[in-house]
Amino acid sequence: MIDTFRDRADAGRRLADRLGSYAADRPVVLALPRGGVVTAFEIARTLHAPLDVLVVRKLGAPMQPEFGVGAIAPGGVRIVDRGSMRLAGMSERDLEDVVRSETAELERRERRYRQGRGPLDVRGRTVILVDDGIATGVTARAAIAALRGAGAGRIVLAVGVCAPDTARRLRPEVDDLVCVLLPDDLTAVGLYFDDFRPVEDDEVTDLLARSGSAVPA
């Protein structure tokens, strides 16, 4: 029988137990939406830290949107796996079309989630970057690059469940990686949650408002 979380909030509480030492750093908690916001809310509440989103968009192949060939993040960050592009039969023009579409969606989500607020200032701060689960890690890599570009002091990647190979690749890119579950064969993140229902935009905006993220850190 595999170890699972009850839901994304349970993952957040279990991560918070492992992140307590960072409370003294007065960290900023940034979530990868949508699912990561539910997990991050519990961490931010426990550490009495401000919560915000870091919207990152996967770049999917035109005929196979779930097949990621890269990701984009704020600050003009773009990560592209050329090998995956070749496998998907994507041209440079195809890539630019996907980037244009996903950039528009990234901007839409930022407007929706922040409700007119600007992003939290991470310069020199300890940032806890949160997701409910990570399989390939391409969106996490884009988020990490965006945080480095924004001047974050320390980056702690906190995730409920992660593929071991992905964790090994990501660990050198952050100052700390905290993960509750590292299953040998992660075929789908949702298998490790008893309740993995979709998270809607309204829930994201509600959790951000409840967290007090409108108050500057």
N, C-alpha and C. Protein backbone atom coordinates (compact mmCIF):
# COMPACT_ATOMS: atom_id res chain seq x y z
N MET A 1 0.84 -1.20 0.00
CA MET A 1 0.00 0.00 0.00
C MET A 1 0.88 1.25 0.00
N ILE A 2 0.64 2.16 -0.95
CA ILE A 2 1.47 3.35 -1.04
C ILE A 2 1.01 4.43 -0.06
N ASP A 3 1.96 5.23 0.38
CA ASP A 3 1.65 6.36 1.24
C ASP A 3 1.01 7.45 0.38
N THR A 4 -0.08 8.00 0.86
CA THR A 4 -0.77 9.06 0.12
C THR A 4 -1.14 10.20 1.06
N PHE A 5 -1.50 11.33 0.45
CA PHE A 5 -2.05 12.46 1.19
C PHE A 5 -3.58 12.40 1.13
N ARG A 6 -4.22 12.92 2.15
CA ARG A 6 -5.69 13.01 2.09
C ARG A 6 -6.09 13.95 0.96
N ASP A 7 -5.41 15.09 0.88
CA ASP A 7 -5.68 16.08 -0.15
C ASP A 7 -4.50 17.03 -0.20
N ARG A 8 -4.60 18.08 -1.00
CA ARG A 8 -3.49 19.03 -1.15
C ARG A 8 -3.20 19.77 0.15
N ALA A 9 -4.24 20.06 0.92
CA ALA A 9 -4.03 20.74 2.21
C ALA A 9 -3.23 19.86 3.16
N ASP A 10 -3.51 18.57 3.16
CA ASP A 10 -2.74 17.63 3.99
C ASP A 10 -1.27 17.66 3.60
N ALA A 11 -1.00 17.69 2.30
CA ALA A 11 0.39 17.80 1.84
C ALA A 11 1.04 19.07 2.37
N GLY A 12 0.28 20.17 2.38
CA GLY A 12 0.81 21.43 2.89
C GLY A 12 1.14 21.37 4.37
N ARG A 13 0.27 20.74 5.15
CA ARG A 13 0.52 20.64 6.58
C ARG A 13 1.75 19.76 6.86
N ARG A 14 1.89 18.69 6.09
CA ARG A 14 3.05 17.82 6.29
C ARG A 14 4.35 18.49 5.84
N LEU A 15 4.27 19.29 4.81
CA LEU A 15 5.44 20.07 4.41
C LEU A 15 5.77 21.13 5.45
N ALA A 16 4.75 21.78 5.99
CA ALA A 16 4.98 22.84 6.99
C ALA A 16 5.73 22.30 8.20
N ASP A 17 5.43 21.05 8.57
CA ASP A 17 6.15 20.43 9.70
C ASP A 17 7.65 20.36 9.43
N ARG A 18 8.02 20.25 8.16
CA ARG A 18 9.43 20.11 7.79
C ARG A 18 10.10 21.44 7.48
N LEU A 19 9.31 22.49 7.43
CA LEU A 19 9.83 23.80 7.04
C LEU A 19 9.89 24.79 8.19
N GLY A 20 9.60 24.33 9.39
CA GLY A 20 9.52 25.23 10.54
C GLY A 20 10.78 26.03 10.79
N SER A 21 11.93 25.47 10.46
CA SER A 21 13.18 26.18 10.73
C SER A 21 13.33 27.44 9.89
N TYR A 22 12.53 27.56 8.82
CA TYR A 22 12.63 28.73 7.96
C TYR A 22 11.77 29.90 8.45
N ALA A 23 10.97 29.71 9.47
CA ALA A 23 10.11 30.78 9.96
C ALA A 23 10.92 32.00 10.39
N ALA A 24 12.08 31.76 10.98
CA ALA A 24 12.92 32.86 11.46
C ALA A 24 13.46 33.72 10.32
N ASP A 25 13.46 33.18 9.10
CA ASP A 25 13.95 33.93 7.94
C ASP A 25 12.91 34.91 7.40
N ARG A 26 11.71 34.89 7.95
CA ARG A 26 10.60 35.70 7.43
C ARG A 26 10.46 35.46 5.92
N PRO A 27 10.18 34.21 5.54
CA PRO A 27 10.16 33.87 4.10
C PRO A 27 8.93 34.41 3.39
N VAL A 28 9.02 34.42 2.08
CA VAL A 28 7.89 34.63 1.19
C VAL A 28 7.52 33.25 0.65
N VAL A 29 6.24 32.93 0.65
CA VAL A 29 5.77 31.65 0.11
C VAL A 29 5.12 31.92 -1.25
N LEU A 30 5.65 31.28 -2.28
CA LEU A 30 5.12 31.43 -3.63
C LEU A 30 4.62 30.07 -4.13
N ALA A 31 3.42 30.07 -4.66
CA ALA A 31 2.79 28.82 -5.10
C ALA A 31 2.71 28.77 -6.62
N LEU A 32 2.90 27.56 -7.15
CA LEU A 32 2.65 27.30 -8.56
C LEU A 32 1.18 26.93 -8.70
N PRO A 33 0.37 27.82 -9.30
CA PRO A 33 -1.06 27.53 -9.41
C PRO A 33 -1.36 26.51 -10.51
N ARG A 34 -2.53 25.84 -10.40
CA ARG A 34 -3.50 26.14 -9.37
C ARG A 34 -3.30 25.28 -8.11
N GLY A 35 -3.03 23.99 -8.30
CA GLY A 35 -3.01 23.07 -7.17
C GLY A 35 -2.03 23.45 -6.08
N GLY A 36 -0.90 24.03 -6.47
CA GLY A 36 0.10 24.39 -5.48
C GLY A 36 -0.36 25.44 -4.50
N VAL A 37 -1.38 26.22 -4.86
CA VAL A 37 -1.85 27.28 -3.96
C VAL A 37 -2.50 26.68 -2.71
N VAL A 38 -3.25 25.60 -2.88
CA VAL A 38 -3.90 24.95 -1.73
C VAL A 38 -2.84 24.43 -0.76
N THR A 39 -1.79 23.81 -1.31
CA THR A 39 -0.70 23.30 -0.49
C THR A 39 0.06 24.44 0.17
N ALA A 40 0.36 25.48 -0.59
CA ALA A 40 1.14 26.61 -0.07
C ALA A 40 0.38 27.40 1.00
N PHE A 41 -0.94 27.44 0.90
CA PHE A 41 -1.73 28.17 1.89
C PHE A 41 -1.46 27.65 3.30
N GLU A 42 -1.38 26.33 3.43
CA GLU A 42 -1.13 25.73 4.74
C GLU A 42 0.27 26.07 5.25
N ILE A 43 1.23 26.11 4.35
CA ILE A 43 2.60 26.45 4.73
C ILE A 43 2.68 27.90 5.17
N ALA A 44 2.09 28.80 4.38
CA ALA A 44 2.12 30.22 4.71
C ALA A 44 1.43 30.49 6.04
N ARG A 45 0.33 29.81 6.29
CA ARG A 45 -0.40 30.01 7.55
C ARG A 45 0.44 29.55 8.73
N THR A 46 1.10 28.41 8.59
CA THR A 46 1.90 27.88 9.69
C THR A 46 3.13 28.76 9.96
N LEU A 47 3.77 29.25 8.91
CA LEU A 47 4.99 30.04 9.07
C LEU A 47 4.70 31.53 9.22
N HIS A 48 3.40 31.92 9.20
CA HIS A 48 3.01 33.34 9.30
C HIS A 48 3.71 34.16 8.22
N ALA A 49 3.68 33.62 7.01
CA ALA A 49 4.38 34.24 5.88
C ALA A 49 3.39 34.72 4.83
N PRO A 50 3.76 35.75 4.06
CA PRO A 50 2.89 36.19 2.97
C PRO A 50 2.87 35.15 1.86
N LEU A 51 1.73 35.07 1.18
CA LEU A 51 1.53 34.10 0.11
C LEU A 51 1.24 34.82 -1.20
N ASP A 52 1.86 34.35 -2.26
CA ASP A 52 1.59 34.87 -3.59
C ASP A 52 1.71 33.72 -4.58
N VAL A 53 1.36 33.99 -5.82
CA VAL A 53 1.50 32.99 -6.88
C VAL A 53 2.69 33.33 -7.75
N LEU A 54 3.26 32.30 -8.35
CA LEU A 54 4.24 32.48 -9.42
C LEU A 54 3.69 31.68 -10.59
N VAL A 55 3.08 32.40 -11.51
CA VAL A 55 2.38 31.74 -12.62
C VAL A 55 3.39 31.31 -13.67
N VAL A 56 3.44 30.03 -13.93
CA VAL A 56 4.30 29.44 -14.94
C VAL A 56 3.41 28.62 -15.87
N ARG A 57 3.72 28.63 -17.15
CA ARG A 57 2.91 27.90 -18.11
C ARG A 57 3.76 26.88 -18.87
N LYS A 58 3.28 25.66 -18.91
CA LYS A 58 3.95 24.63 -19.70
C LYS A 58 3.71 24.90 -21.18
N LEU A 59 4.71 24.61 -21.98
CA LEU A 59 4.58 24.70 -23.43
C LEU A 59 4.31 23.30 -23.97
N GLY A 60 3.09 23.07 -24.40
CA GLY A 60 2.70 21.75 -24.88
C GLY A 60 2.77 21.66 -26.40
N ALA A 61 3.01 20.46 -26.88
CA ALA A 61 3.02 20.24 -28.32
C ALA A 61 1.63 20.51 -28.89
N PRO A 62 1.52 21.12 -30.08
CA PRO A 62 0.21 21.49 -30.64
C PRO A 62 -0.79 20.34 -30.70
N MET A 63 -0.37 19.16 -31.12
CA MET A 63 -1.29 18.05 -31.24
C MET A 63 -1.35 17.18 -29.98
N GLN A 64 -0.44 17.46 -29.01
CA GLN A 64 -0.40 16.73 -27.75
C GLN A 64 -0.12 17.72 -26.63
N PRO A 65 -1.13 18.51 -26.24
CA PRO A 65 -0.90 19.57 -25.25
C PRO A 65 -0.30 19.08 -23.93
N GLU A 66 -0.55 17.83 -23.56
CA GLU A 66 -0.01 17.31 -22.31
C GLU A 66 1.47 16.96 -22.43
N PHE A 67 1.98 16.89 -23.66
CA PHE A 67 3.39 16.58 -23.87
C PHE A 67 4.17 17.89 -23.84
N GLY A 68 4.84 18.15 -22.72
CA GLY A 68 5.54 19.41 -22.55
C GLY A 68 6.89 19.45 -23.22
N VAL A 69 7.14 20.53 -23.94
CA VAL A 69 8.45 20.72 -24.57
C VAL A 69 9.21 21.86 -23.90
N GLY A 70 8.62 22.47 -22.89
CA GLY A 70 9.27 23.56 -22.19
C GLY A 70 8.28 24.30 -21.31
N ALA A 71 8.68 25.50 -20.87
CA ALA A 71 7.82 26.30 -20.00
C ALA A 71 8.26 27.75 -20.06
N ILE A 72 7.33 28.64 -19.75
CA ILE A 72 7.63 30.07 -19.65
C ILE A 72 7.26 30.55 -18.25
N ALA A 73 7.93 31.63 -17.82
CA ALA A 73 7.68 32.21 -16.51
C ALA A 73 7.86 33.72 -16.60
N PRO A 74 7.40 34.47 -15.60
CA PRO A 74 7.56 35.93 -15.64
C PRO A 74 9.02 36.34 -15.78
N GLY A 75 9.22 37.54 -16.31
CA GLY A 75 10.57 38.04 -16.51
C GLY A 75 11.18 37.58 -17.81
N GLY A 76 10.35 37.07 -18.71
CA GLY A 76 10.86 36.63 -20.01
C GLY A 76 11.56 35.29 -19.98
N VAL A 77 11.36 34.51 -18.91
CA VAL A 77 12.01 33.20 -18.80
C VAL A 77 11.36 32.23 -19.78
N ARG A 78 12.20 31.54 -20.53
CA ARG A 78 11.71 30.52 -21.46
C ARG A 78 12.68 29.34 -21.43
N ILE A 79 12.17 28.16 -21.11
CA ILE A 79 12.97 26.94 -21.12
C ILE A 79 12.39 26.02 -22.18
N VAL A 80 13.24 25.57 -23.09
CA VAL A 80 12.77 24.72 -24.19
C VAL A 80 13.67 23.50 -24.30
N ASP A 81 13.05 22.34 -24.41
CA ASP A 81 13.77 21.09 -24.62
C ASP A 81 13.70 20.77 -26.12
N ARG A 82 14.81 21.00 -26.80
CA ARG A 82 14.82 20.82 -28.25
C ARG A 82 14.61 19.36 -28.64
N GLY A 83 15.10 18.45 -27.81
CA GLY A 83 14.88 17.03 -28.08
C GLY A 83 13.41 16.68 -28.07
N SER A 84 12.68 17.23 -27.08
CA SER A 84 11.24 16.98 -27.01
C SER A 84 10.53 17.62 -28.20
N MET A 85 11.01 18.78 -28.62
CA MET A 85 10.41 19.41 -29.81
C MET A 85 10.54 18.51 -31.02
N ARG A 86 11.71 17.93 -31.18
CA ARG A 86 11.92 17.04 -32.34
C ARG A 86 11.00 15.82 -32.26
N LEU A 87 10.88 15.26 -31.06
CA LEU A 87 10.00 14.10 -30.89
C LEU A 87 8.56 14.45 -31.25
N ALA A 88 8.15 15.68 -30.92
CA ALA A 88 6.78 16.10 -31.19
C ALA A 88 6.60 16.61 -32.62
N GLY A 89 7.69 16.71 -33.36
CA GLY A 89 7.60 17.21 -34.73
C GLY A 89 7.28 18.69 -34.79
N MET A 90 7.74 19.45 -33.79
CA MET A 90 7.43 20.89 -33.73
C MET A 90 8.48 21.71 -34.46
N SER A 91 8.01 22.70 -35.18
CA SER A 91 8.91 23.66 -35.83
C SER A 91 9.08 24.88 -34.92
N GLU A 92 10.00 25.77 -35.28
CA GLU A 92 10.18 27.01 -34.52
C GLU A 92 8.92 27.87 -34.58
N ARG A 93 8.25 27.83 -35.73
CA ARG A 93 7.00 28.60 -35.84
C ARG A 93 5.94 28.03 -34.92
N ASP A 94 5.86 26.70 -34.84
CA ASP A 94 4.92 26.06 -33.91
C ASP A 94 5.21 26.52 -32.48
N LEU A 95 6.51 26.53 -32.14
CA LEU A 95 6.91 26.93 -30.78
C LEU A 95 6.47 28.35 -30.49
N GLU A 96 6.71 29.26 -31.42
CA GLU A 96 6.36 30.66 -31.19
C GLU A 96 4.85 30.83 -31.04
N ASP A 97 4.08 30.06 -31.79
CA ASP A 97 2.62 30.12 -31.67
C ASP A 97 2.19 29.68 -30.27
N VAL A 98 2.80 28.60 -29.76
CA VAL A 98 2.46 28.11 -28.42
C VAL A 98 2.90 29.12 -27.36
N VAL A 99 4.09 29.69 -27.51
CA VAL A 99 4.58 30.69 -26.56
C VAL A 99 3.64 31.88 -26.51
N ARG A 100 3.17 32.34 -27.66
CA ARG A 100 2.27 33.49 -27.72
C ARG A 100 0.96 33.18 -26.98
N SER A 101 0.42 32.00 -27.22
CA SER A 101 -0.83 31.62 -26.57
C SER A 101 -0.66 31.47 -25.07
N GLU A 102 0.41 30.83 -24.65
CA GLU A 102 0.62 30.60 -23.23
C GLU A 102 1.01 31.87 -22.48
N THR A 103 1.67 32.80 -23.17
CA THR A 103 1.98 34.09 -22.55
C THR A 103 0.70 34.85 -22.24
N ALA A 104 -0.25 34.81 -23.17
CA ALA A 104 -1.54 35.47 -22.95
C ALA A 104 -2.27 34.85 -21.77
N GLU A 105 -2.21 33.51 -21.65
CA GLU A 105 -2.87 32.84 -20.53
C GLU A 105 -2.15 33.14 -19.22
N LEU A 106 -0.83 33.21 -19.24
CA LEU A 106 -0.07 33.57 -18.04
C LEU A 106 -0.49 34.95 -17.55
N GLU A 107 -0.55 35.90 -18.46
CA GLU A 107 -0.93 37.26 -18.08
C GLU A 107 -2.36 37.32 -17.58
N ARG A 108 -3.26 36.54 -18.19
CA ARG A 108 -4.65 36.51 -17.73
C ARG A 108 -4.73 36.00 -16.30
N ARG A 109 -4.01 34.93 -16.03
CA ARG A 109 -4.06 34.36 -14.68
C ARG A 109 -3.46 35.31 -13.65
N GLU A 110 -2.38 35.98 -14.00
CA GLU A 110 -1.79 36.93 -13.05
C GLU A 110 -2.80 38.02 -12.71
N ARG A 111 -3.49 38.54 -13.71
CA ARG A 111 -4.50 39.58 -13.46
C ARG A 111 -5.61 39.03 -12.58
N ARG A 112 -6.08 37.84 -12.89
CA ARG A 112 -7.20 37.25 -12.16
C ARG A 112 -6.82 36.98 -10.71
N TYR A 113 -5.67 36.39 -10.49
CA TYR A 113 -5.30 35.98 -9.15
C TYR A 113 -4.91 37.15 -8.26
N ARG A 114 -4.25 38.15 -8.82
CA ARG A 114 -3.74 39.23 -7.98
C ARG A 114 -4.76 40.35 -7.76
N GLN A 115 -5.77 40.42 -8.59
CA GLN A 115 -6.82 41.42 -8.40
C GLN A 115 -6.26 42.84 -8.27
N GLY A 116 -5.31 43.18 -9.15
CA GLY A 116 -4.74 44.52 -9.14
C GLY A 116 -3.51 44.69 -8.28
N ARG A 117 -3.16 43.70 -7.48
CA ARG A 117 -1.96 43.79 -6.65
C ARG A 117 -0.73 43.47 -7.49
N GLY A 118 0.39 44.04 -7.12
CA GLY A 118 1.65 43.68 -7.76
C GLY A 118 2.22 42.44 -7.10
N PRO A 119 3.21 41.82 -7.73
CA PRO A 119 3.83 40.64 -7.12
C PRO A 119 4.62 41.03 -5.88
N LEU A 120 4.76 40.10 -4.95
CA LEU A 120 5.58 40.35 -3.77
C LEU A 120 7.04 40.51 -4.17
N ASP A 121 7.73 41.41 -3.49
CA ASP A 121 9.15 41.65 -3.76
C ASP A 121 9.97 40.54 -3.12
N VAL A 122 10.72 39.81 -3.93
CA VAL A 122 11.51 38.70 -3.41
C VAL A 122 12.99 39.03 -3.31
N ARG A 123 13.39 40.24 -3.63
CA ARG A 123 14.82 40.58 -3.64
C ARG A 123 15.44 40.37 -2.26
N GLY A 124 16.45 39.51 -2.23
CA GLY A 124 17.15 39.24 -0.99
C GLY A 124 16.41 38.38 0.00
N ARG A 125 15.22 37.94 -0.35
CA ARG A 125 14.39 37.19 0.59
C ARG A 125 14.58 35.69 0.43
N THR A 126 14.26 34.95 1.50
CA THR A 126 14.12 33.50 1.39
C THR A 126 12.76 33.22 0.80
N VAL A 127 12.73 32.49 -0.30
CA VAL A 127 11.47 32.16 -0.98
C VAL A 127 11.23 30.66 -0.88
N ILE A 128 10.05 30.30 -0.40
CA ILE A 128 9.63 28.90 -0.40
C ILE A 128 8.69 28.72 -1.58
N LEU A 129 9.17 28.01 -2.58
CA LEU A 129 8.42 27.77 -3.82
C LEU A 129 7.69 26.44 -3.68
N VAL A 130 6.37 26.45 -3.84
CA VAL A 130 5.55 25.30 -3.48
C VAL A 130 4.74 24.77 -4.66
N ASP A 131 4.73 23.45 -4.78
CA ASP A 131 3.81 22.78 -5.70
C ASP A 131 3.29 21.53 -5.02
N ASP A 132 2.10 21.06 -5.44
CA ASP A 132 1.56 19.85 -4.82
C ASP A 132 2.35 18.62 -5.25
N GLY A 133 2.77 18.58 -6.52
CA GLY A 133 3.55 17.45 -7.01
C GLY A 133 4.31 17.82 -8.26
N ILE A 134 5.44 17.16 -8.48
CA ILE A 134 6.27 17.44 -9.66
C ILE A 134 6.63 16.13 -10.32
N ALA A 135 6.39 16.06 -11.62
CA ALA A 135 6.76 14.87 -12.39
C ALA A 135 8.04 15.13 -13.17
N THR A 136 7.95 15.92 -14.25
CA THR A 136 9.14 16.17 -15.08
C THR A 136 9.98 17.33 -14.58
N GLY A 137 9.36 18.30 -13.92
CA GLY A 137 10.10 19.42 -13.35
C GLY A 137 10.31 20.60 -14.26
N VAL A 138 9.76 20.60 -15.46
CA VAL A 138 10.05 21.69 -16.39
C VAL A 138 9.45 23.01 -15.90
N THR A 139 8.25 22.98 -15.33
CA THR A 139 7.67 24.22 -14.84
C THR A 139 8.41 24.72 -13.59
N ALA A 140 8.85 23.79 -12.75
CA ALA A 140 9.61 24.18 -11.56
C ALA A 140 10.92 24.85 -11.98
N ARG A 141 11.58 24.31 -13.00
CA ARG A 141 12.84 24.90 -13.47
C ARG A 141 12.61 26.33 -13.97
N ALA A 142 11.52 26.56 -14.67
CA ALA A 142 11.22 27.90 -15.15
C ALA A 142 10.95 28.84 -13.98
N ALA A 143 10.23 28.36 -12.97
CA ALA A 143 9.94 29.17 -11.80
C ALA A 143 11.21 29.53 -11.05
N ILE A 144 12.10 28.57 -10.90
CA ILE A 144 13.38 28.81 -10.21
C ILE A 144 14.19 29.86 -10.97
N ALA A 145 14.23 29.75 -12.29
CA ALA A 145 14.97 30.72 -13.10
C ALA A 145 14.37 32.12 -12.94
N ALA A 146 13.04 32.21 -12.89
CA ALA A 146 12.39 33.50 -12.71
C ALA A 146 12.75 34.11 -11.36
N LEU A 147 12.80 33.28 -10.31
CA LEU A 147 13.14 33.78 -8.98
C LEU A 147 14.58 34.24 -8.92
N ARG A 148 15.48 33.49 -9.56
CA ARG A 148 16.87 33.93 -9.60
C ARG A 148 16.97 35.28 -10.30
N GLY A 149 16.25 35.41 -11.40
CA GLY A 149 16.27 36.67 -12.14
C GLY A 149 15.69 37.82 -11.36
N ALA A 150 14.76 37.53 -10.45
CA ALA A 150 14.13 38.57 -9.64
C ALA A 150 14.94 38.90 -8.39
N GLY A 151 16.06 38.20 -8.20
CA GLY A 151 16.94 38.53 -7.08
C GLY A 151 16.64 37.85 -5.76
N ALA A 152 15.94 36.71 -5.80
CA ALA A 152 15.65 36.00 -4.54
C ALA A 152 16.96 35.64 -3.84
N GLY A 153 16.96 35.75 -2.50
CA GLY A 153 18.16 35.44 -1.73
C GLY A 153 18.41 33.95 -1.65
N ARG A 154 17.43 33.21 -1.14
CA ARG A 154 17.50 31.76 -1.04
C ARG A 154 16.21 31.19 -1.61
N ILE A 155 16.31 30.06 -2.27
CA ILE A 155 15.13 29.40 -2.83
C ILE A 155 15.02 28.01 -2.23
N VAL A 156 13.88 27.76 -1.60
CA VAL A 156 13.57 26.45 -1.03
C VAL A 156 12.41 25.89 -1.83
N LEU A 157 12.62 24.78 -2.50
CA LEU A 157 11.55 24.13 -3.26
C LEU A 157 10.86 23.12 -2.36
N ALA A 158 9.57 23.31 -2.13
CA ALA A 158 8.79 22.44 -1.25
C ALA A 158 7.68 21.79 -2.06
N VAL A 159 7.67 20.47 -2.06
CA VAL A 159 6.71 19.74 -2.90
C VAL A 159 6.21 18.51 -2.18
N GLY A 160 4.93 18.22 -2.37
CA GLY A 160 4.34 17.06 -1.70
C GLY A 160 4.93 15.75 -2.19
N VAL A 161 4.91 15.56 -3.50
CA VAL A 161 5.41 14.31 -4.09
C VAL A 161 6.22 14.66 -5.33
N CYS A 162 7.34 13.95 -5.53
CA CYS A 162 8.20 14.26 -6.66
C CYS A 162 8.87 12.99 -7.14
N ALA A 163 9.07 12.89 -8.45
CA ALA A 163 9.83 11.77 -9.01
C ALA A 163 11.28 11.88 -8.56
N PRO A 164 11.89 10.80 -8.09
CA PRO A 164 13.28 10.87 -7.58
C PRO A 164 14.27 11.44 -8.59
N ASP A 165 14.20 11.03 -9.85
CA ASP A 165 15.14 11.54 -10.86
C ASP A 165 14.97 13.05 -11.03
N THR A 166 13.73 13.50 -11.00
CA THR A 166 13.46 14.94 -11.12
C THR A 166 14.02 15.68 -9.91
N ALA A 167 13.84 15.12 -8.72
CA ALA A 167 14.37 15.75 -7.51
C ALA A 167 15.89 15.87 -7.60
N ARG A 168 16.55 14.84 -8.10
CA ARG A 168 18.02 14.89 -8.23
C ARG A 168 18.45 15.98 -9.21
N ARG A 169 17.69 16.16 -10.28
CA ARG A 169 18.04 17.20 -11.25
C ARG A 169 17.79 18.60 -10.70
N LEU A 170 16.73 18.75 -9.90
CA LEU A 170 16.37 20.07 -9.40
C LEU A 170 17.19 20.50 -8.19
N ARG A 171 17.66 19.54 -7.40
CA ARG A 171 18.33 19.87 -6.14
C ARG A 171 19.50 20.85 -6.32
N PRO A 172 20.36 20.69 -7.34
CA PRO A 172 21.47 21.65 -7.50
C PRO A 172 21.02 23.05 -7.88
N GLU A 173 19.77 23.21 -8.33
CA GLU A 173 19.29 24.50 -8.78
C GLU A 173 18.69 25.34 -7.66
N VAL A 174 18.49 24.75 -6.48
CA VAL A 174 17.90 25.46 -5.36
C VAL A 174 18.80 25.34 -4.13
N ASP A 175 18.49 26.13 -3.11
CA ASP A 175 19.27 26.07 -1.87
C ASP A 175 18.84 24.92 -0.98
N ASP A 176 17.59 24.52 -1.11
CA ASP A 176 17.09 23.36 -0.36
C ASP A 176 15.88 22.80 -1.10
N LEU A 177 15.73 21.50 -1.03
CA LEU A 177 14.56 20.85 -1.61
C LEU A 177 13.94 19.99 -0.52
N VAL A 178 12.67 20.25 -0.24
CA VAL A 178 11.95 19.53 0.80
C VAL A 178 10.77 18.81 0.15
N CYS A 179 10.76 17.49 0.26
CA CYS A 179 9.71 16.69 -0.36
C CYS A 179 9.27 15.61 0.61
N VAL A 180 7.96 15.39 0.71
CA VAL A 180 7.43 14.38 1.63
C VAL A 180 7.52 12.98 1.02
N LEU A 181 7.08 12.83 -0.23
CA LEU A 181 7.05 11.52 -0.88
C LEU A 181 7.93 11.52 -2.12
N LEU A 182 8.79 10.48 -2.21
CA LEU A 182 9.64 10.30 -3.38
C LEU A 182 9.45 8.86 -3.89
N PRO A 183 8.31 8.59 -4.49
CA PRO A 183 8.04 7.22 -4.95
C PRO A 183 8.96 6.81 -6.09
N ASP A 184 9.35 5.55 -6.10
CA ASP A 184 10.27 5.05 -7.12
C ASP A 184 9.70 5.19 -8.53
N ASP A 185 8.38 5.00 -8.66
CA ASP A 185 7.76 5.01 -9.99
C ASP A 185 6.57 5.95 -9.98
N LEU A 186 6.84 7.24 -10.19
CA LEU A 186 5.76 8.23 -10.18
C LEU A 186 5.19 8.34 -11.59
N THR A 187 4.06 7.69 -11.82
CA THR A 187 3.43 7.76 -13.13
C THR A 187 2.45 8.92 -13.24
N ALA A 188 1.86 9.32 -12.10
CA ALA A 188 0.92 10.44 -12.09
C ALA A 188 0.85 11.00 -10.67
N VAL A 189 0.97 12.31 -10.55
CA VAL A 189 0.94 12.95 -9.24
C VAL A 189 -0.36 12.65 -8.51
N GLY A 190 -1.49 12.65 -9.23
CA GLY A 190 -2.79 12.45 -8.61
C GLY A 190 -2.96 11.13 -7.89
N LEU A 191 -2.15 10.13 -8.23
CA LEU A 191 -2.26 8.83 -7.57
C LEU A 191 -1.87 8.89 -6.11
N TYR A 192 -1.19 9.95 -5.70
CA TYR A 192 -0.70 10.05 -4.33
C TYR A 192 -1.57 10.97 -3.48
N PHE A 193 -2.77 11.27 -3.96
CA PHE A 193 -3.74 12.07 -3.24
C PHE A 193 -5.08 11.35 -3.27
N ASP A 194 -5.67 11.13 -2.10
CA ASP A 194 -7.00 10.52 -2.06
C ASP A 194 -8.02 11.44 -2.72
N ASP A 195 -7.84 12.75 -2.52
CA ASP A 195 -8.72 13.75 -3.14
C ASP A 195 -7.84 14.67 -3.98
N PHE A 196 -7.97 14.57 -5.30
CA PHE A 196 -7.16 15.38 -6.20
C PHE A 196 -8.07 16.11 -7.18
N ARG A 197 -9.17 16.62 -6.64
CA ARG A 197 -10.13 17.32 -7.48
C ARG A 197 -9.50 18.58 -8.07
N PRO A 198 -9.95 19.02 -9.25
CA PRO A 198 -9.40 20.23 -9.87
C PRO A 198 -9.59 21.45 -8.99
N VAL A 199 -8.63 22.35 -9.03
CA VAL A 199 -8.70 23.62 -8.31
C VAL A 199 -9.08 24.70 -9.31
N GLU A 200 -10.11 25.47 -8.98
CA GLU A 200 -10.60 26.50 -9.89
C GLU A 200 -10.00 27.86 -9.54
N ASP A 201 -10.11 28.80 -10.49
CA ASP A 201 -9.57 30.15 -10.28
C ASP A 201 -10.16 30.81 -9.04
N ASP A 202 -11.45 30.63 -8.80
CA ASP A 202 -12.08 31.28 -7.65
C ASP A 202 -11.47 30.80 -6.33
N GLU A 203 -11.10 29.53 -6.26
CA GLU A 203 -10.48 29.02 -5.03
C GLU A 203 -9.10 29.64 -4.85
N VAL A 204 -8.38 29.82 -5.93
CA VAL A 204 -7.06 30.44 -5.84
C VAL A 204 -7.18 31.86 -5.31
N THR A 205 -8.06 32.67 -5.88
CA THR A 205 -8.20 34.05 -5.44
C THR A 205 -8.69 34.12 -4.00
N ASP A 206 -9.57 33.20 -3.61
CA ASP A 206 -10.07 33.17 -2.23
C ASP A 206 -8.95 32.87 -1.25
N LEU A 207 -8.12 31.89 -1.55
CA LEU A 207 -7.02 31.53 -0.65
C LEU A 207 -6.00 32.65 -0.55
N LEU A 208 -5.70 33.32 -1.66
CA LEU A 208 -4.77 34.44 -1.61
C LEU A 208 -5.32 35.57 -0.74
N ALA A 209 -6.62 35.84 -0.87
CA ALA A 209 -7.23 36.88 -0.05
C ALA A 209 -7.21 36.49 1.43
N ARG A 210 -7.53 35.24 1.72
CA ARG A 210 -7.55 34.77 3.10
C ARG A 210 -6.18 34.78 3.74
N SER A 211 -5.16 34.58 2.93
CA SER A 211 -3.80 34.51 3.47
C SER A 211 -3.28 35.88 3.89
N GLY A 212 -3.97 36.94 3.45
CA GLY A 212 -3.47 38.27 3.76
C GLY A 212 -2.37 38.70 2.82
N SER A 213 -2.35 38.11 1.62
CA SER A 213 -1.28 38.42 0.68
C SER A 213 -1.36 39.84 0.15
N ALA A 214 -2.51 40.52 0.40
CA ALA A 214 -2.61 41.90 -0.05
C ALA A 214 -1.77 42.83 0.83
N VAL A 215 -1.34 42.35 1.98
CA VAL A 215 -0.53 43.15 2.87
C VAL A 215 0.93 42.95 2.52
N PRO A 216 1.69 44.01 2.19
CA PRO A 216 3.09 43.83 1.83
C PRO A 216 3.88 43.15 2.94
N ALA A 217 4.86 42.30 2.53
CA ALA A 217 5.69 41.60 3.53
C ALA A 217 6.65 42.58 4.20
